[in-house]
Amino acid sequence: MGAMARYGFGSWINRALPMSFPLSTLLINILGSTAMGLFIGMLGRINANWAPDLRLFVAVGVLGGFTTFSAFSLDTIELIERGEWLSAGLYVLLSVVVCLIGLYLGLLVTRGVA
């Protein structure tokens, strides 16, 4: 469901606002991260142990399918809330840098450069 929503929303944005900047990805990541915060925050207000299967379904299944960036954002905020600032910073840095390197290496391999 989340992946289908991502495709539909992304296609709609790209048709409505055609440009070379990846606006649809940015907006989807912002929307998904905001939705994750609202959902997890709501569960926290109700009871942190309430409906763990529902939490997994919505957070991992639906929102994770919509944008994995929402899970990345949640992981980072949870580290910060626990006072693990160094771990949070390292997680952000490694996630961005190492994932970009991994993507680039994958492109090099498939293009026959590496």
PDB file of N, CA and C in Angstrom:
ATOM      1  N   MET A   1       0.812  -1.193   0.000  1.00  0.00           N
ATOM      2  CA  MET A   1       0.000   0.000   0.000  1.00  0.00           C
ATOM      3  C   MET A   1       0.859   1.262   0.000  1.00  0.00           C
ATOM      4  N   GLY A   2       1.887   1.263   0.838  1.00  0.00           N
ATOM      5  CA  GLY A   2       2.752   2.436   0.911  1.00  0.00           C
ATOM      6  C   GLY A   2       3.501   2.686  -0.384  1.00  0.00           C
ATOM      7  N   ALA A   3       3.988   1.599  -0.997  1.00  0.00           N
ATOM      8  CA  ALA A   3       4.726   1.745  -2.257  1.00  0.00           C
ATOM      9  C   ALA A   3       3.810   2.236  -3.375  1.00  0.00           C
ATOM     10  N   MET A   4       2.570   1.744  -3.383  1.00  0.00           N
ATOM     11  CA  MET A   4       1.618   2.203  -4.398  1.00  0.00           C
ATOM     12  C   MET A   4       1.276   3.674  -4.179  1.00  0.00           C
ATOM     13  N   ALA A   5       1.135   4.076  -2.924  1.00  0.00           N
ATOM     14  CA  ALA A   5       0.857   5.483  -2.621  1.00  0.00           C
ATOM     15  C   ALA A   5       2.034   6.357  -3.039  1.00  0.00           C
ATOM     16  N   ARG A   6       3.250   5.872  -2.803  1.00  0.00           N
ATOM     17  CA  ARG A   6       4.441   6.626  -3.202  1.00  0.00           C
ATOM     18  C   ARG A   6       4.460   6.830  -4.716  1.00  0.00           C
ATOM     19  N   TYR A   7       4.199   5.758  -5.450  1.00  0.00           N
ATOM     20  CA  TYR A   7       4.205   5.850  -6.911  1.00  0.00           C
ATOM     21  C   TYR A   7       3.139   6.834  -7.390  1.00  0.00           C
ATOM     22  N   GLY A   8       1.932   6.705  -6.856  1.00  0.00           N
ATOM     23  CA  GLY A   8       0.844   7.585  -7.282  1.00  0.00           C
ATOM     24  C   GLY A   8       1.105   9.038  -6.937  1.00  0.00           C
ATOM     25  N   PHE A   9       1.542   9.295  -5.714  1.00  0.00           N
ATOM     26  CA  PHE A   9       1.812  10.662  -5.277  1.00  0.00           C
ATOM     27  C   PHE A   9       2.990  11.247  -6.053  1.00  0.00           C
ATOM     28  N   GLY A  10       4.039  10.449  -6.227  1.00  0.00           N
ATOM     29  CA  GLY A  10       5.213  10.911  -6.975  1.00  0.00           C
ATOM     30  C   GLY A  10       4.879  11.230  -8.420  1.00  0.00           C
ATOM     31  N   SER A  11       4.084  10.376  -9.045  1.00  0.00           N
ATOM     32  CA  SER A  11       3.673  10.618 -10.434  1.00  0.00           C
ATOM     33  C   SER A  11       2.840  11.883 -10.540  1.00  0.00           C
ATOM     34  N   TRP A  12       1.942  12.081  -9.583  1.00  0.00           N
ATOM     35  CA  TRP A  12       1.099  13.273  -9.588  1.00  0.00           C
ATOM     36  C   TRP A  12       1.947  14.536  -9.448  1.00  0.00           C
ATOM     37  N   ILE A  13       2.904  14.537  -8.520  1.00  0.00           N
ATOM     38  CA  ILE A  13       3.775  15.704  -8.331  1.00  0.00           C
ATOM     39  C   ILE A  13       4.581  15.972  -9.596  1.00  0.00           C
ATOM     40  N   ASN A  14       5.146  14.925 -10.182  1.00  0.00           N
ATOM     41  CA  ASN A  14       5.972  15.101 -11.383  1.00  0.00           C
ATOM     42  C   ASN A  14       5.169  15.648 -12.559  1.00  0.00           C
ATOM     43  N   ARG A  15       3.899  15.257 -12.664  1.00  0.00           N
ATOM     44  CA  ARG A  15       3.044  15.800 -13.729  1.00  0.00           C
ATOM     45  C   ARG A  15       2.659  17.244 -13.427  1.00  0.00           C
ATOM     46  N   ALA A  16       2.361  17.520 -12.166  1.00  0.00           N
ATOM     47  CA  ALA A  16       1.914  18.862 -11.782  1.00  0.00           C
ATOM     48  C   ALA A  16       3.051  19.874 -11.807  1.00  0.00           C
ATOM     49  N   LEU A  17       4.249  19.439 -11.434  1.00  0.00           N
ATOM     50  CA  LEU A  17       5.402  20.345 -11.334  1.00  0.00           C
ATOM     51  C   LEU A  17       6.634  19.724 -11.995  1.00  0.00           C
ATOM     52  N   PRO A  18       6.646  19.630 -13.318  1.00  0.00           N
ATOM     53  CA  PRO A  18       7.794  19.005 -13.976  1.00  0.00           C
ATOM     54  C   PRO A  18       9.058  19.853 -13.810  1.00  0.00           C
ATOM     55  N   MET A  19      10.124  19.215 -13.328  1.00  0.00           N
ATOM     56  CA  MET A  19      11.411  19.903 -13.154  1.00  0.00           C
ATOM     57  C   MET A  19      12.494  18.853 -12.976  1.00  0.00           C
ATOM     58  N   SER A  20      13.744  19.281 -13.113  1.00  0.00           N
ATOM     59  CA  SER A  20      14.849  18.339 -12.956  1.00  0.00           C
ATOM     60  C   SER A  20      15.169  18.074 -11.487  1.00  0.00           C
ATOM     61  N   PHE A  21      14.806  18.990 -10.584  1.00  0.00           N
ATOM     62  CA  PHE A  21      15.026  18.796  -9.148  1.00  0.00           C
ATOM     63  C   PHE A  21      14.105  17.681  -8.655  1.00  0.00           C
ATOM     64  N   PRO A  22      14.601  16.763  -7.822  1.00  0.00           N
ATOM     65  CA  PRO A  22      13.770  15.634  -7.360  1.00  0.00           C
ATOM     66  C   PRO A  22      12.751  16.050  -6.290  1.00  0.00           C
ATOM     67  N   LEU A  23      11.870  16.974  -6.660  1.00  0.00           N
ATOM     68  CA  LEU A  23      10.887  17.513  -5.726  1.00  0.00           C
ATOM     69  C   LEU A  23       9.955  16.432  -5.198  1.00  0.00           C
ATOM     70  N   SER A  24       9.532  15.515  -6.058  1.00  0.00           N
ATOM     71  CA  SER A  24       8.594  14.488  -5.596  1.00  0.00           C
ATOM     72  C   SER A  24       9.223  13.634  -4.498  1.00  0.00           C
ATOM     73  N   THR A  25      10.474  13.258  -4.650  1.00  0.00           N
ATOM     74  CA  THR A  25      11.151  12.459  -3.623  1.00  0.00           C
ATOM     75  C   THR A  25      11.275  13.249  -2.328  1.00  0.00           C
ATOM     76  N   LEU A  26      11.658  14.503  -2.427  1.00  0.00           N
ATOM     77  CA  LEU A  26      11.789  15.348  -1.245  1.00  0.00           C
ATOM     78  C   LEU A  26      10.451  15.469  -0.514  1.00  0.00           C
ATOM     79  N   LEU A  27       9.384  15.765  -1.252  1.00  0.00           N
ATOM     80  CA  LEU A  27       8.069  15.924  -0.627  1.00  0.00           C
ATOM     81  C   LEU A  27       7.570  14.619  -0.017  1.00  0.00           C
ATOM     82  N   ILE A  28       7.803  13.510  -0.699  1.00  0.00           N
ATOM     83  CA  ILE A  28       7.403  12.207  -0.163  1.00  0.00           C
ATOM     84  C   ILE A  28       8.164  11.906   1.124  1.00  0.00           C
ATOM     85  N   ASN A  29       9.459  12.186   1.142  1.00  0.00           N
ATOM     86  CA  ASN A  29      10.250  11.948   2.351  1.00  0.00           C
ATOM     87  C   ASN A  29       9.780  12.830   3.507  1.00  0.00           C
ATOM     88  N   ILE A  30       9.459  14.083   3.222  1.00  0.00           N
ATOM     89  CA  ILE A  30       8.953  14.986   4.263  1.00  0.00           C
ATOM     90  C   ILE A  30       7.592  14.504   4.761  1.00  0.00           C
ATOM     91  N   LEU A  31       6.707  14.178   3.840  1.00  0.00           N
ATOM     92  CA  LEU A  31       5.370  13.715   4.211  1.00  0.00           C
ATOM     93  C   LEU A  31       5.442  12.411   5.000  1.00  0.00           C
ATOM     94  N   GLY A  32       6.245  11.469   4.530  1.00  0.00           N
ATOM     95  CA  GLY A  32       6.370  10.185   5.223  1.00  0.00           C
ATOM     96  C   GLY A  32       6.969  10.333   6.606  1.00  0.00           C
ATOM     97  N   SER A  33       7.968  11.181   6.742  1.00  0.00           N
ATOM     98  CA  SER A  33       8.587  11.408   8.051  1.00  0.00           C
ATOM     99  C   SER A  33       7.613  12.088   9.006  1.00  0.00           C
ATOM    100  N   THR A  34       6.842  13.046   8.498  1.00  0.00           N
ATOM    101  CA  THR A  34       5.837  13.715   9.321  1.00  0.00           C
ATOM    102  C   THR A  34       4.757  12.726   9.752  1.00  0.00           C
ATOM    103  N   ALA A  35       4.310  11.900   8.819  1.00  0.00           N
ATOM    104  CA  ALA A  35       3.294  10.893   9.141  1.00  0.00           C
ATOM    105  C   ALA A  35       3.823   9.904  10.178  1.00  0.00           C
ATOM    106  N   MET A  36       5.099   9.511  10.067  1.00  0.00           N
ATOM    107  CA  MET A  36       5.695   8.598  11.042  1.00  0.00           C
ATOM    108  C   MET A  36       5.706   9.248  12.423  1.00  0.00           C
ATOM    109  N   GLY A  37       6.098  10.519  12.492  1.00  0.00           N
ATOM    110  CA  GLY A  37       6.104  11.226  13.769  1.00  0.00           C
ATOM    111  C   GLY A  37       4.722  11.321  14.380  1.00  0.00           C
ATOM    112  N   LEU A  38       3.730  11.643  13.559  1.00  0.00           N
ATOM    113  CA  LEU A  38       2.355  11.727  14.047  1.00  0.00           C
ATOM    114  C   LEU A  38       1.869  10.375  14.558  1.00  0.00           C
ATOM    115  N   PHE A  39       2.150   9.326  13.803  1.00  0.00           N
ATOM    116  CA  PHE A  39       1.678   7.993  14.171  1.00  0.00           C
ATOM    117  C   PHE A  39       2.341   7.491  15.448  1.00  0.00           C
ATOM    118  N   ILE A  40       3.666   7.555  15.506  1.00  0.00           N
ATOM    119  CA  ILE A  40       4.387   7.080  16.688  1.00  0.00           C
ATOM    120  C   ILE A  40       4.035   7.948  17.897  1.00  0.00           C
ATOM    121  N   GLY A  41       3.919   9.253  17.689  1.00  0.00           N
ATOM    122  CA  GLY A  41       3.526  10.146  18.772  1.00  0.00           C
ATOM    123  C   GLY A  41       2.136   9.834  19.298  1.00  0.00           C
ATOM    124  N   MET A  42       1.209   9.529  18.394  1.00  0.00           N
ATOM    125  CA  MET A  42      -0.148   9.178  18.792  1.00  0.00           C
ATOM    126  C   MET A  42      -0.144   7.896  19.618  1.00  0.00           C
ATOM    127  N   LEU A  43       0.602   6.896  19.173  1.00  0.00           N
ATOM    128  CA  LEU A  43       0.673   5.650  19.929  1.00  0.00           C
ATOM    129  C   LEU A  43       1.290   5.881  21.302  1.00  0.00           C
ATOM    130  N   GLY A  44       2.261   6.767  21.370  1.00  0.00           N
ATOM    131  CA  GLY A  44       2.883   7.084  22.648  1.00  0.00           C
ATOM    132  C   GLY A  44       1.920   7.748  23.613  1.00  0.00           C
ATOM    133  N   ARG A  45       1.032   8.571  23.087  1.00  0.00           N
ATOM    134  CA  ARG A  45       0.051   9.249  23.947  1.00  0.00           C
ATOM    135  C   ARG A  45      -1.012   8.270  24.430  1.00  0.00           C
ATOM    136  N   ILE A  46      -1.349   7.314  23.590  1.00  0.00           N
ATOM    137  CA  ILE A  46      -2.379   6.341  23.977  1.00  0.00           C
ATOM    138  C   ILE A  46      -1.795   5.359  24.992  1.00  0.00           C
ATOM    139  N   ASN A  47      -0.712   4.695  24.600  1.00  0.00           N
ATOM    140  CA  ASN A  47       0.000   3.735  25.444  1.00  0.00           C
ATOM    141  C   ASN A  47       1.074   3.112  24.567  1.00  0.00           C
ATOM    142  N   ALA A  48       2.307   3.190  24.990  1.00  0.00           N
ATOM    143  CA  ALA A  48       3.434   2.722  24.172  1.00  0.00           C
ATOM    144  C   ALA A  48       3.321   1.251  23.807  1.00  0.00           C
ATOM    145  N   ASN A  49       2.640   0.448  24.621  1.00  0.00           N
ATOM    146  CA  ASN A  49       2.523  -0.991  24.348  1.00  0.00           C
ATOM    147  C   ASN A  49       1.243  -1.349  23.606  1.00  0.00           C
ATOM    148  N   TRP A  50       0.494  -0.345  23.206  1.00  0.00           N
ATOM    149  CA  TRP A  50      -0.787  -0.595  22.567  1.00  0.00           C
ATOM    150  C   TRP A  50      -0.600  -1.085  21.140  1.00  0.00           C
ATOM    151  N   ALA A  51      -1.214  -2.181  20.804  1.00  0.00           N
ATOM    152  CA  ALA A  51      -1.280  -2.719  19.441  1.00  0.00           C
ATOM    153  C   ALA A  51       0.071  -2.763  18.734  1.00  0.00           C
ATOM    154  N   PRO A  52       1.008  -3.594  19.216  1.00  0.00           N
ATOM    155  CA  PRO A  52       2.317  -3.659  18.556  1.00  0.00           C
ATOM    156  C   PRO A  52       2.225  -4.127  17.102  1.00  0.00           C
ATOM    157  N   ASP A  53       1.255  -4.999  16.802  1.00  0.00           N
ATOM    158  CA  ASP A  53       1.100  -5.446  15.415  1.00  0.00           C
ATOM    159  C   ASP A  53       0.639  -4.308  14.516  1.00  0.00           C
ATOM    160  N   LEU A  54      -0.239  -3.455  15.044  1.00  0.00           N
ATOM    161  CA  LEU A  54      -0.693  -2.292  14.270  1.00  0.00           C
ATOM    162  C   LEU A  54       0.464  -1.334  14.040  1.00  0.00           C
ATOM    163  N   ARG A  55       1.268  -1.125  15.069  1.00  0.00           N
ATOM    164  CA  ARG A  55       2.438  -0.244  14.935  1.00  0.00           C
ATOM    165  C   ARG A  55       3.366  -0.760  13.837  1.00  0.00           C
ATOM    166  N   LEU A  56       3.660  -2.052  13.860  1.00  0.00           N
ATOM    167  CA  LEU A  56       4.532  -2.626  12.832  1.00  0.00           C
ATOM    168  C   LEU A  56       3.914  -2.510  11.448  1.00  0.00           C
ATOM    169  N   PHE A  57       2.618  -2.809  11.347  1.00  0.00           N
ATOM    170  CA  PHE A  57       1.957  -2.747  10.048  1.00  0.00           C
ATOM    171  C   PHE A  57       2.016  -1.345   9.458  1.00  0.00           C
ATOM    172  N   VAL A  58       1.656  -0.352  10.255  1.00  0.00           N
ATOM    173  CA  VAL A  58       1.620   1.018   9.741  1.00  0.00           C
ATOM    174  C   VAL A  58       3.026   1.580   9.578  1.00  0.00           C
ATOM    175  N   ALA A  59       3.868   1.464  10.613  1.00  0.00           N
ATOM    176  CA  ALA A  59       5.199   2.083  10.573  1.00  0.00           C
ATOM    177  C   ALA A  59       6.115   1.405   9.567  1.00  0.00           C
ATOM    178  N   VAL A  60       6.203   0.087   9.630  1.00  0.00           N
ATOM    179  CA  VAL A  60       7.126  -0.626   8.745  1.00  0.00           C
ATOM    180  C   VAL A  60       6.483  -0.913   7.395  1.00  0.00           C
ATOM    181  N   GLY A  61       5.254  -1.405   7.423  1.00  0.00           N
ATOM    182  CA  GLY A  61       4.599  -1.788   6.178  1.00  0.00           C
ATOM    183  C   GLY A  61       4.159  -0.622   5.324  1.00  0.00           C
ATOM    184  N   VAL A  62       3.259   0.191   5.846  1.00  0.00           N
ATOM    185  CA  VAL A  62       2.684   1.272   5.045  1.00  0.00           C
ATOM    186  C   VAL A  62       3.665   2.431   4.888  1.00  0.00           C
ATOM    187  N   LEU A  63       4.109   3.009   6.015  1.00  0.00           N
ATOM    188  CA  LEU A  63       5.005   4.170   5.914  1.00  0.00           C
ATOM    189  C   LEU A  63       6.388   3.769   5.413  1.00  0.00           C
ATOM    190  N   GLY A  64       6.856   2.589   5.804  1.00  0.00           N
ATOM    191  CA  GLY A  64       8.140   2.105   5.291  1.00  0.00           C
ATOM    192  C   GLY A  64       8.093   1.861   3.791  1.00  0.00           C
ATOM    193  N   GLY A  65       6.931   1.416   3.304  1.00  0.00           N
ATOM    194  CA  GLY A  65       6.766   1.250   1.861  1.00  0.00           C
ATOM    195  C   GLY A  65       6.641   2.584   1.148  1.00  0.00           C
ATOM    196  N   PHE A  66       6.056   3.559   1.836  1.00  0.00           N
ATOM    197  CA  PHE A  66       5.904   4.895   1.255  1.00  0.00           C
ATOM    198  C   PHE A  66       7.262   5.576   1.155  1.00  0.00           C
ATOM    199  N   THR A  67       8.043   5.506   2.219  1.00  0.00           N
ATOM    200  CA  THR A  67       9.384   6.080   2.209  1.00  0.00           C
ATOM    201  C   THR A  67      10.219   5.472   3.317  1.00  0.00           C
ATOM    202  N   THR A  68      11.338   4.872   2.967  1.00  0.00           N
ATOM    203  CA  THR A  68      12.226   4.343   4.003  1.00  0.00           C
ATOM    204  C   THR A  68      12.858   5.484   4.789  1.00  0.00           C
ATOM    205  N   PHE A  69      12.784   6.693   4.264  1.00  0.00           N
ATOM    206  CA  PHE A  69      13.357   7.840   4.966  1.00  0.00           C
ATOM    207  C   PHE A  69      12.624   8.093   6.275  1.00  0.00           C
ATOM    208  N   SER A  70      11.345   7.727   6.337  1.00  0.00           N
ATOM    209  CA  SER A  70      10.606   7.912   7.587  1.00  0.00           C
ATOM    210  C   SER A  70      11.171   7.012   8.675  1.00  0.00           C
ATOM    211  N   ALA A  71      11.564   5.795   8.333  1.00  0.00           N
ATOM    212  CA  ALA A  71      12.185   4.896   9.311  1.00  0.00           C
ATOM    213  C   ALA A  71      13.552   5.436   9.734  1.00  0.00           C
ATOM    214  N   PHE A  72      14.313   5.936   8.781  1.00  0.00           N
ATOM    215  CA  PHE A  72      15.610   6.554   9.073  1.00  0.00           C
ATOM    216  C   PHE A  72      15.427   7.736  10.024  1.00  0.00           C
ATOM    217  N   SER A  73      14.426   8.554   9.760  1.00  0.00           N
ATOM    218  CA  SER A  73      14.154   9.716  10.607  1.00  0.00           C
ATOM    219  C   SER A  73      13.770   9.285  12.015  1.00  0.00           C
ATOM    220  N   LEU A  74      12.913   8.271  12.122  1.00  0.00           N
ATOM    221  CA  LEU A  74      12.491   7.776  13.431  1.00  0.00           C
ATOM    222  C   LEU A  74      13.681   7.220  14.210  1.00  0.00           C
ATOM    223  N   ASP A  75      14.511   6.410  13.566  1.00  0.00           N
ATOM    224  CA  ASP A  75      15.699   5.861  14.229  1.00  0.00           C
ATOM    225  C   ASP A  75      16.585   6.977  14.766  1.00  0.00           C
ATOM    226  N   THR A  76      16.787   8.006  13.957  1.00  0.00           N
ATOM    227  CA  THR A  76      17.647   9.125  14.359  1.00  0.00           C
ATOM    228  C   THR A  76      17.066   9.863  15.560  1.00  0.00           C
ATOM    229  N   ILE A  77      15.778  10.171  15.516  1.00  0.00           N
ATOM    230  CA  ILE A  77      15.137  10.888  16.620  1.00  0.00           C
ATOM    231  C   ILE A  77      15.146  10.050  17.895  1.00  0.00           C
ATOM    232  N   GLU A  78      14.945   8.743  17.777  1.00  0.00           N
ATOM    233  CA  GLU A  78      14.986   7.897  18.970  1.00  0.00           C
ATOM    234  C   GLU A  78      16.369   7.923  19.613  1.00  0.00           C
ATOM    235  N   LEU A  79      17.423   7.925  18.803  1.00  0.00           N
ATOM    236  CA  LEU A  79      18.780   8.042  19.346  1.00  0.00           C
ATOM    237  C   LEU A  79      18.957   9.382  20.061  1.00  0.00           C
ATOM    238  N   ILE A  80      18.480  10.446  19.443  1.00  0.00           N
ATOM    239  CA  ILE A  80      18.593  11.783  20.042  1.00  0.00           C
ATOM    240  C   ILE A  80      17.809  11.854  21.351  1.00  0.00           C
ATOM    241  N   GLU A  81      16.592  11.310  21.357  1.00  0.00           N
ATOM    242  CA  GLU A  81      15.772  11.345  22.569  1.00  0.00           C
ATOM    243  C   GLU A  81      16.404  10.571  23.721  1.00  0.00           C
ATOM    244  N   ARG A  82      17.199   9.555  23.398  1.00  0.00           N
ATOM    245  CA  ARG A  82      17.912   8.795  24.435  1.00  0.00           C
ATOM    246  C   ARG A  82      19.217   9.476  24.835  1.00  0.00           C
ATOM    247  N   GLY A  83      19.486  10.624  24.226  1.00  0.00           N
ATOM    248  CA  GLY A  83      20.704  11.361  24.548  1.00  0.00           C
ATOM    249  C   GLY A  83      21.944  10.826  23.859  1.00  0.00           C
ATOM    250  N   GLU A  84      21.760   9.978  22.878  1.00  0.00           N
ATOM    251  CA  GLU A  84      22.876   9.370  22.156  1.00  0.00           C
ATOM    252  C   GLU A  84      23.212  10.215  20.924  1.00  0.00           C
ATOM    253  N   TRP A  85      23.660  11.434  21.183  1.00  0.00           N
ATOM    254  CA  TRP A  85      23.932  12.401  20.122  1.00  0.00           C
ATOM    255  C   TRP A  85      25.024  11.927  19.179  1.00  0.00           C
ATOM    256  N   LEU A  86      26.082  11.363  19.714  1.00  0.00           N
ATOM    257  CA  LEU A  86      27.180  10.888  18.872  1.00  0.00           C
ATOM    258  C   LEU A  86      26.703   9.768  17.954  1.00  0.00           C
ATOM    259  N   SER A  87      25.954   8.831  18.511  1.00  0.00           N
ATOM    260  CA  SER A  87      25.415   7.740  17.697  1.00  0.00           C
ATOM    261  C   SER A  87      24.470   8.269  16.626  1.00  0.00           C
ATOM    262  N   ALA A  88      23.642   9.249  16.990  1.00  0.00           N
ATOM    263  CA  ALA A  88      22.709   9.827  16.022  1.00  0.00           C
ATOM    264  C   ALA A  88      23.464  10.501  14.883  1.00  0.00           C
ATOM    265  N   GLY A  89      24.472  11.290  15.227  1.00  0.00           N
ATOM    266  CA  GLY A  89      25.267  11.957  14.198  1.00  0.00           C
ATOM    267  C   GLY A  89      25.999  10.971  13.313  1.00  0.00           C
ATOM    268  N   LEU A  90      26.565   9.949  13.931  1.00  0.00           N
ATOM    269  CA  LEU A  90      27.272   8.920  13.166  1.00  0.00           C
ATOM    270  C   LEU A  90      26.310   8.166  12.255  1.00  0.00           C
ATOM    271  N   TYR A  91      25.120   7.869  12.776  1.00  0.00           N
ATOM    272  CA  TYR A  91      24.111   7.171  11.988  1.00  0.00           C
ATOM    273  C   TYR A  91      23.714   7.985  10.756  1.00  0.00           C
ATOM    274  N   VAL A  92      23.479   9.278  10.950  1.00  0.00           N
ATOM    275  CA  VAL A  92      23.114  10.149   9.829  1.00  0.00           C
ATOM    276  C   VAL A  92      24.257  10.224   8.827  1.00  0.00           C
ATOM    277  N   LEU A  93      25.457  10.484   9.313  1.00  0.00           N
ATOM    278  CA  LEU A  93      26.620  10.607   8.432  1.00  0.00           C
ATOM    279  C   LEU A  93      26.863   9.322   7.647  1.00  0.00           C
ATOM    280  N   LEU A  94      26.892   8.192   8.353  1.00  0.00           N
ATOM    281  CA  LEU A  94      27.142   6.920   7.674  1.00  0.00           C
ATOM    282  C   LEU A  94      26.014   6.567   6.714  1.00  0.00           C
ATOM    283  N   SER A  95      24.778   6.812   7.122  1.00  0.00           N
ATOM    284  CA  SER A  95      23.649   6.483   6.250  1.00  0.00           C
ATOM    285  C   SER A  95      23.727   7.244   4.938  1.00  0.00           C
ATOM    286  N   VAL A  96      24.016   8.523   5.019  1.00  0.00           N
ATOM    287  CA  VAL A  96      24.065   9.333   3.803  1.00  0.00           C
ATOM    288  C   VAL A  96      25.307   9.002   2.986  1.00  0.00           C
ATOM    289  N   VAL A  97      26.470   9.082   3.599  1.00  0.00           N
ATOM    290  CA  VAL A  97      27.726   8.920   2.856  1.00  0.00           C
ATOM    291  C   VAL A  97      27.888   7.498   2.329  1.00  0.00           C
ATOM    292  N   VAL A  98      27.712   6.503   3.192  1.00  0.00           N
ATOM    293  CA  VAL A  98      27.941   5.121   2.765  1.00  0.00           C
ATOM    294  C   VAL A  98      26.894   4.680   1.744  1.00  0.00           C
ATOM    295  N   CYS A  99      25.653   5.115   1.912  1.00  0.00           N
ATOM    296  CA  CYS A  99      24.630   4.762   0.916  1.00  0.00           C
ATOM    297  C   CYS A  99      24.918   5.404  -0.436  1.00  0.00           C
ATOM    298  N   LEU A 100      25.387   6.647  -0.436  1.00  0.00           N
ATOM    299  CA  LEU A 100      25.764   7.285  -1.703  1.00  0.00           C
ATOM    300  C   LEU A 100      26.946   6.562  -2.344  1.00  0.00           C
ATOM    301  N   ILE A 101      27.922   6.187  -1.545  1.00  0.00           N
ATOM    302  CA  ILE A 101      29.068   5.434  -2.075  1.00  0.00           C
ATOM    303  C   ILE A 101      28.602   4.093  -2.629  1.00  0.00           C
ATOM    304  N   GLY A 102      27.727   3.407  -1.881  1.00  0.00           N
ATOM    305  CA  GLY A 102      27.200   2.125  -2.351  1.00  0.00           C
ATOM    306  C   GLY A 102      26.462   2.252  -3.669  1.00  0.00           C
ATOM    307  N   LEU A 103      25.636   3.272  -3.786  1.00  0.00           N
ATOM    308  CA  LEU A 103      24.920   3.490  -5.038  1.00  0.00           C
ATOM    309  C   LEU A 103      25.895   3.760  -6.178  1.00  0.00           C
ATOM    310  N   TYR A 104      26.880   4.600  -5.913  1.00  0.00           N
ATOM    311  CA  TYR A 104      27.859   4.941  -6.949  1.00  0.00           C
ATOM    312  C   TYR A 104      28.646   3.706  -7.377  1.00  0.00           C
ATOM    313  N   LEU A 105      29.071   2.887  -6.414  1.00  0.00           N
ATOM    314  CA  LEU A 105      29.800   1.661  -6.757  1.00  0.00           C
ATOM    315  C   LEU A 105      28.922   0.710  -7.563  1.00  0.00           C
ATOM    316  N   GLY A 106      27.654   0.616  -7.184  1.00  0.00           N
ATOM    317  CA  GLY A 106      26.731  -0.213  -7.954  1.00  0.00           C
ATOM    318  C   GLY A 106      26.596   0.268  -9.388  1.00  0.00           C
ATOM    319  N   LEU A 107      26.540   1.584  -9.569  1.00  0.00           N
ATOM    320  CA  LEU A 107      26.487   2.137 -10.927  1.00  0.00           C
ATOM    321  C   LEU A 107      27.760   1.821 -11.699  1.00  0.00           C
ATOM    322  N   LEU A 108      28.905   1.971 -11.033  1.00  0.00           N
ATOM    323  CA  LEU A 108      30.174   1.672 -11.706  1.00  0.00           C
ATOM    324  C   LEU A 108      30.239   0.218 -12.148  1.00  0.00           C
ATOM    325  N   VAL A 109      29.819  -0.684 -11.279  1.00  0.00           N
ATOM    326  CA  VAL A 109      29.849  -2.114 -11.609  1.00  0.00           C
ATOM    327  C   VAL A 109      28.935  -2.410 -12.791  1.00  0.00           C
ATOM    328  N   THR A 110      27.726  -1.881 -12.763  1.00  0.00           N
ATOM    329  CA  THR A 110      26.782  -2.188 -13.836  1.00  0.00           C
ATOM    330  C   THR A 110      27.143  -1.498 -15.140  1.00  0.00           C
ATOM    331  N   ARG A 111      27.911  -0.441 -15.049  1.00  0.00           N
ATOM    332  CA  ARG A 111      28.349   0.255 -16.263  1.00  0.00           C
ATOM    333  C   ARG A 111      29.673  -0.297 -16.773  1.00  0.00           C
ATOM    334  N   GLY A 112      30.195  -1.301 -16.079  1.00  0.00           N
ATOM    335  CA  GLY A 112      31.430  -1.940 -16.522  1.00  0.00           C
ATOM    336  C   GLY A 112      32.679  -1.126 -16.266  1.00  0.00           C
ATOM    337  N   VAL A 113      32.619  -0.174 -15.344  1.00  0.00           N
ATOM    338  CA  VAL A 113      33.768   0.677 -15.062  1.00  0.00           C
ATOM    339  C   VAL A 113      34.646   0.053 -13.995  1.00  0.00           C
ATOM    340  N   ALA A 114      34.048  -0.576 -13.001  1.00  0.00           N
ATOM    341  CA  ALA A 114      34.826  -1.135 -11.879  1.00  0.00           C
ATOM    342  C   ALA A 114      35.200  -2.575 -12.138  1.00  0.00           C
TER     343      ALA A 114
END
